[in-house]
Amino acid sequence: MTTQLIKNFTDGLKAGIPIALGYLSVSFTFGIIAVSYGFTPWQATLISLMCTTSAGQFSGITTMLVPGQYLDMLVSQLTINIRYSFMSISLSQKVNERFRGIWRLLFGALITDEIFAVAVSQPVVSRAFFAGLALLPYLGWGGGTLLGAILGNILPERIMSALGLAIYGMFIAIVTPEMKKCHPVILTVSIAALLSTCFTYVPVLNRLSNGLAISVCAIAAAIVSSILHPIALEENQTEEPNHAQ
């Protein structure tokens, strides 16, 4: 059992390496911006360690510049981060029987778009696998923020712009293999991309917050795909031995 647990954790670590590298670059930018807003390096790093959500953090430090905007902070963070609730519900259908109770509470705080995308692609998700998957991205996010807060002003602007694109390339690398293996995923991604474009450029729709827009796109795409391409549930579905612990 111990050998299997270590293997699951190691598999999670390997799967989390590209996510950690992408987070390192994005959080680097957050560290620079936070310091430019008047935050100290340790304050910026603490924000990243306690609230691992890029859009939520960028919005949060902007709101914090104006004292007393508690209601604005509440509404903005709720709409930006509500998508993680839907991700958690979806992922809870794939975890094994040992992944419950306090473990869901602890690891639920570490769910991000990319971590969810990798975890949900697994047949069964164990505590050890998810712990390994989330560890390096979490450290990369906090470490990148600290590096950006301390060293950000040294790097040329061109390099900073290139680092900002890394997370998009990483997410494409995660989604593309699934699109090749499962054609209905292509439909789901296409619908989400089309809706996202509408929320970016169509008047009135582009006033919606990024977090809420992402949630609407994801839910709408999932509903359409589930109706057109339903997945039959097997009565005697068994768990994969790779992530049993």
Protein backbone atom coordinates (compact mmCIF):
# COMPACT_ATOMS: atom_id res chain seq x y z
CA MET A 1 0.00 0.00 0.00
CA THR A 2 2.84 2.37 0.86
CA THR A 3 4.53 1.66 -2.47
CA GLN A 4 1.30 2.37 -4.35
CA LEU A 5 0.76 5.59 -2.38
CA ILE A 6 4.28 6.80 -3.21
CA LYS A 7 3.76 5.94 -6.87
CA ASN A 8 0.48 7.87 -6.98
CA PHE A 9 2.12 10.88 -5.33
CA THR A 10 5.04 10.71 -7.77
CA ASP A 11 2.66 10.50 -10.73
CA GLY A 12 0.92 13.61 -9.42
CA LEU A 13 4.22 15.45 -9.06
CA LYS A 14 5.15 14.65 -12.66
CA ALA A 15 1.77 15.83 -13.92
CA GLY A 16 2.11 19.07 -11.95
CA ILE A 17 5.52 20.10 -13.34
CA PRO A 18 4.23 21.91 -16.48
CA ILE A 19 1.55 23.64 -14.43
CA ALA A 20 4.15 24.81 -11.91
CA LEU A 21 6.33 26.24 -14.69
CA GLY A 22 3.38 28.13 -16.14
CA TYR A 23 2.38 29.45 -12.72
CA LEU A 24 5.91 30.58 -12.03
CA SER A 25 5.77 33.04 -14.92
CA VAL A 26 2.26 34.35 -14.25
CA SER A 27 2.79 34.81 -10.51
CA PHE A 28 6.06 36.57 -11.33
CA THR A 29 3.97 39.25 -13.03
CA PHE A 30 1.62 39.41 -10.05
CA GLY A 31 4.57 39.99 -7.73
CA ILE A 32 5.76 42.92 -9.83
CA ILE A 33 2.33 44.53 -9.98
CA ALA A 34 1.66 44.03 -6.26
CA VAL A 35 4.92 45.75 -5.31
CA SER A 36 4.17 48.60 -7.73
CA TYR A 37 0.85 49.06 -5.89
CA GLY A 38 2.67 49.50 -2.58
CA PHE A 39 2.60 45.96 -1.18
CA THR A 40 5.77 44.54 0.34
CA PRO A 41 7.26 41.32 -1.13
CA TRP A 42 6.15 39.26 1.88
CA GLN A 43 2.61 40.66 1.67
CA ALA A 44 2.38 39.81 -2.04
CA THR A 45 3.71 36.30 -1.38
CA LEU A 46 1.27 35.77 1.50
CA ILE A 47 -1.63 36.74 -0.78
CA SER A 48 -0.54 34.14 -3.33
CA LEU A 49 -0.14 31.42 -0.70
CA MET A 50 -3.56 32.08 0.84
CA CYS A 51 -5.52 32.77 -2.35
CA THR A 52 -4.24 30.90 -5.40
CA THR A 53 -6.37 32.51 -8.08
CA SER A 54 -4.77 34.77 -10.65
CA ALA A 55 -7.80 36.83 -11.71
CA GLY A 56 -9.02 37.06 -8.12
CA GLN A 57 -5.66 38.27 -6.87
CA PHE A 58 -5.21 40.91 -9.57
CA SER A 59 -8.74 42.17 -8.91
CA GLY A 60 -8.27 42.00 -5.16
CA ILE A 61 -5.14 44.13 -4.91
CA THR A 62 -6.76 46.72 -7.19
CA THR A 63 -9.79 46.93 -4.89
CA MET A 64 -7.56 47.08 -1.80
CA LEU A 65 -6.04 50.33 -3.05
CA VAL A 66 -9.30 52.06 -2.11
CA PRO A 67 -10.06 51.68 1.63
CA GLY A 68 -13.51 50.51 2.68
CA GLN A 69 -14.50 48.74 -0.52
CA TYR A 70 -15.55 45.58 1.32
CA LEU A 71 -18.75 45.00 -0.64
CA ASP A 72 -16.94 45.45 -3.95
CA MET A 73 -14.32 42.97 -2.80
CA LEU A 74 -16.97 40.44 -1.81
CA VAL A 75 -18.90 40.68 -5.08
CA SER A 76 -15.83 40.66 -7.30
CA GLN A 77 -14.21 37.68 -5.57
CA LEU A 78 -17.46 35.73 -5.54
CA THR A 79 -18.10 36.19 -9.25
CA ILE A 80 -14.49 35.61 -10.25
CA ASN A 81 -13.99 32.47 -8.17
CA ILE A 82 -17.43 30.87 -8.28
CA ARG A 83 -16.27 28.60 -11.12
CA TYR A 84 -14.09 26.69 -8.66
CA SER A 85 -17.26 25.52 -6.88
CA PHE A 86 -18.49 23.92 -10.10
CA MET A 87 -15.07 22.37 -10.69
CA SER A 88 -15.07 20.90 -7.19
CA ILE A 89 -18.52 19.39 -7.68
CA SER A 90 -17.46 17.85 -10.97
CA LEU A 91 -14.19 16.49 -9.58
CA SER A 92 -15.93 15.01 -6.54
CA GLN A 93 -17.52 12.47 -8.89
CA LYS A 94 -14.09 11.06 -9.79
CA VAL A 95 -12.34 10.78 -6.42
CA ASN A 96 -12.03 7.42 -4.69
CA GLU A 97 -13.71 6.48 -1.41
CA ARG A 98 -10.68 7.46 0.71
CA PHE A 99 -10.76 11.01 -0.66
CA ARG A 100 -13.39 12.48 1.65
CA GLY A 101 -13.98 14.52 4.80
CA ILE A 102 -11.18 16.85 5.85
CA TRP A 103 -9.15 15.93 2.75
CA ARG A 104 -11.74 17.44 0.44
CA LEU A 105 -11.77 20.59 2.56
CA LEU A 106 -7.98 20.94 2.50
CA PHE A 107 -7.34 20.03 -1.12
CA GLY A 108 -10.42 21.87 -2.38
CA ALA A 109 -8.64 25.15 -1.66
CA LEU A 110 -5.92 24.15 -4.14
CA ILE A 111 -8.17 23.63 -7.16
CA THR A 112 -7.32 25.86 -10.10
CA ASP A 113 -8.32 25.72 -13.78
CA GLU A 114 -5.21 23.79 -14.80
CA ILE A 115 -5.11 21.45 -11.80
CA PHE A 116 -8.77 20.62 -12.39
CA ALA A 117 -8.15 19.97 -16.09
CA VAL A 118 -5.41 17.44 -15.30
CA ALA A 119 -7.21 15.81 -12.36
CA VAL A 120 -10.53 15.38 -14.15
CA SER A 121 -8.78 13.62 -17.05
CA GLN A 122 -7.80 10.77 -14.68
CA PRO A 123 -10.02 7.68 -14.40
CA VAL A 124 -9.97 7.92 -10.60
CA VAL A 125 -8.36 10.60 -8.41
CA SER A 126 -6.75 9.62 -5.10
CA ARG A 127 -5.56 11.82 -2.24
CA ALA A 128 -1.92 11.02 -2.95
CA PHE A 129 -2.19 11.81 -6.65
CA PHE A 130 -3.99 15.10 -6.05
CA ALA A 131 -1.52 16.09 -3.31
CA GLY A 132 1.37 15.53 -5.71
CA LEU A 133 -0.45 17.29 -8.54
CA ALA A 134 -1.17 20.42 -6.49
CA LEU A 135 2.12 20.66 -4.57
CA LEU A 136 4.48 21.99 -7.24
CA PRO A 137 1.96 24.44 -8.76
CA TYR A 138 1.25 25.81 -5.28
CA LEU A 139 4.95 26.28 -4.56
CA GLY A 140 5.51 27.67 -8.06
CA TRP A 141 2.75 30.22 -7.57
CA GLY A 142 4.09 31.42 -4.24
CA GLY A 143 7.74 31.26 -5.33
CA GLY A 144 7.06 33.10 -8.57
CA THR A 145 5.30 35.87 -6.67
CA LEU A 146 8.26 36.27 -4.32
CA LEU A 147 10.74 36.34 -7.21
CA GLY A 148 8.65 38.84 -9.13
CA ALA A 149 8.28 41.09 -6.10
CA ILE A 150 12.04 41.09 -5.49
CA LEU A 151 13.59 40.81 -8.96
CA GLY A 152 10.85 41.95 -11.33
CA ASN A 153 12.29 45.34 -12.15
CA ILE A 154 15.52 43.75 -13.39
CA LEU A 155 14.02 41.85 -16.35
CA PRO A 156 13.36 43.59 -19.71
CA GLU A 157 9.74 44.29 -20.63
CA ARG A 158 9.88 41.92 -23.63
CA ILE A 159 10.74 38.98 -21.42
CA MET A 160 7.91 39.85 -19.05
CA SER A 161 5.44 39.91 -21.96
CA ALA A 162 6.65 36.49 -23.10
CA LEU A 163 6.30 35.05 -19.60
CA GLY A 164 2.71 36.25 -19.48
CA LEU A 165 1.84 34.02 -22.46
CA ALA A 166 3.27 30.85 -20.93
CA ILE A 167 0.12 29.92 -19.02
CA TYR A 168 -1.99 30.01 -22.19
CA GLY A 169 0.38 27.66 -23.99
CA MET A 170 0.34 25.37 -20.97
CA PHE A 171 -3.46 25.22 -20.93
CA ILE A 172 -3.57 24.45 -24.66
CA ALA A 173 -1.11 21.62 -24.07
CA ILE A 174 -3.46 20.18 -21.43
CA VAL A 175 -6.65 20.39 -23.49
CA THR A 176 -5.36 19.39 -26.95
CA PRO A 177 -4.59 15.71 -26.15
CA GLU A 178 -8.12 15.26 -24.78
CA MET A 179 -9.55 16.81 -27.94
CA LYS A 180 -7.63 14.29 -30.03
CA LYS A 181 -8.84 11.31 -27.98
CA CYS A 182 -12.48 12.39 -27.62
CA HIS A 183 -14.24 14.24 -30.45
CA PRO A 184 -17.12 15.58 -28.28
CA VAL A 185 -14.47 17.52 -26.35
CA ILE A 186 -13.82 19.49 -29.55
CA LEU A 187 -17.47 20.58 -29.54
CA THR A 188 -17.28 21.55 -25.87
CA VAL A 189 -14.12 23.60 -26.36
CA SER A 190 -15.52 25.27 -29.49
CA ILE A 191 -18.72 26.32 -27.72
CA ALA A 192 -16.79 27.65 -24.75
CA ALA A 193 -14.40 29.56 -27.02
CA LEU A 194 -17.27 31.07 -29.01
CA LEU A 195 -19.10 32.19 -25.88
CA SER A 196 -15.88 33.56 -24.40
CA THR A 197 -15.36 35.63 -27.55
CA CYS A 198 -18.87 37.02 -27.19
CA PHE A 199 -18.24 37.98 -23.57
CA THR A 200 -15.07 39.75 -24.68
CA TYR A 201 -16.30 41.77 -27.67
CA VAL A 202 -20.11 41.99 -27.64
CA PRO A 203 -21.40 45.18 -25.98
CA VAL A 204 -23.20 44.70 -22.64
CA LEU A 205 -21.87 41.13 -22.39
CA ASN A 206 -18.30 42.43 -22.09
CA ARG A 207 -19.27 44.21 -18.87
CA LEU A 208 -19.61 40.89 -17.06
CA SER A 209 -16.73 40.03 -14.73
CA ASN A 210 -14.16 37.53 -15.99
CA GLY A 211 -14.92 34.96 -13.33
CA LEU A 212 -18.67 34.95 -13.96
CA ALA A 213 -18.14 34.90 -17.73
CA ILE A 214 -15.88 31.85 -17.42
CA SER A 215 -18.47 30.08 -15.28
CA VAL A 216 -21.26 30.80 -17.78
CA CYS A 217 -19.13 29.60 -20.70
CA ALA A 218 -18.14 26.39 -18.93
CA ILE A 219 -21.65 25.52 -17.75
CA ALA A 220 -23.30 26.31 -21.09
CA ALA A 221 -20.72 24.31 -23.05
CA ALA A 222 -21.02 21.37 -20.66
CA ILE A 223 -24.83 21.35 -20.83
CA VAL A 224 -24.92 21.40 -24.64
CA SER A 225 -22.28 18.66 -24.89
CA SER A 226 -23.98 16.48 -22.28
CA ILE A 227 -27.26 16.70 -24.21
CA LEU A 228 -25.71 15.96 -27.60
CA HIS A 229 -23.16 13.40 -26.42
CA PRO A 230 -24.36 11.80 -23.15
CA ILE A 231 -22.03 9.32 -21.46
CA ALA A 232 -23.60 6.06 -20.36
CA LEU A 233 -22.76 5.12 -16.79
CA GLU A 234 -21.56 1.57 -16.19
CA GLU A 235 -23.36 -0.25 -13.41
CA ASN A 236 -20.29 -2.13 -12.25
CA GLN A 237 -17.71 0.58 -12.72
CA THR A 238 -14.40 -0.27 -11.05
CA GLU A 239 -11.60 2.04 -10.02
CA GLU A 240 -8.26 2.06 -11.73
CA PRO A 241 -5.49 0.54 -9.62
CA ASN A 242 -3.05 3.35 -10.45
CA HIS A 243 -4.77 5.84 -8.13
CA ALA A 244 -6.43 3.59 -5.62
CA GLN A 245 -4.91 5.16 -2.50
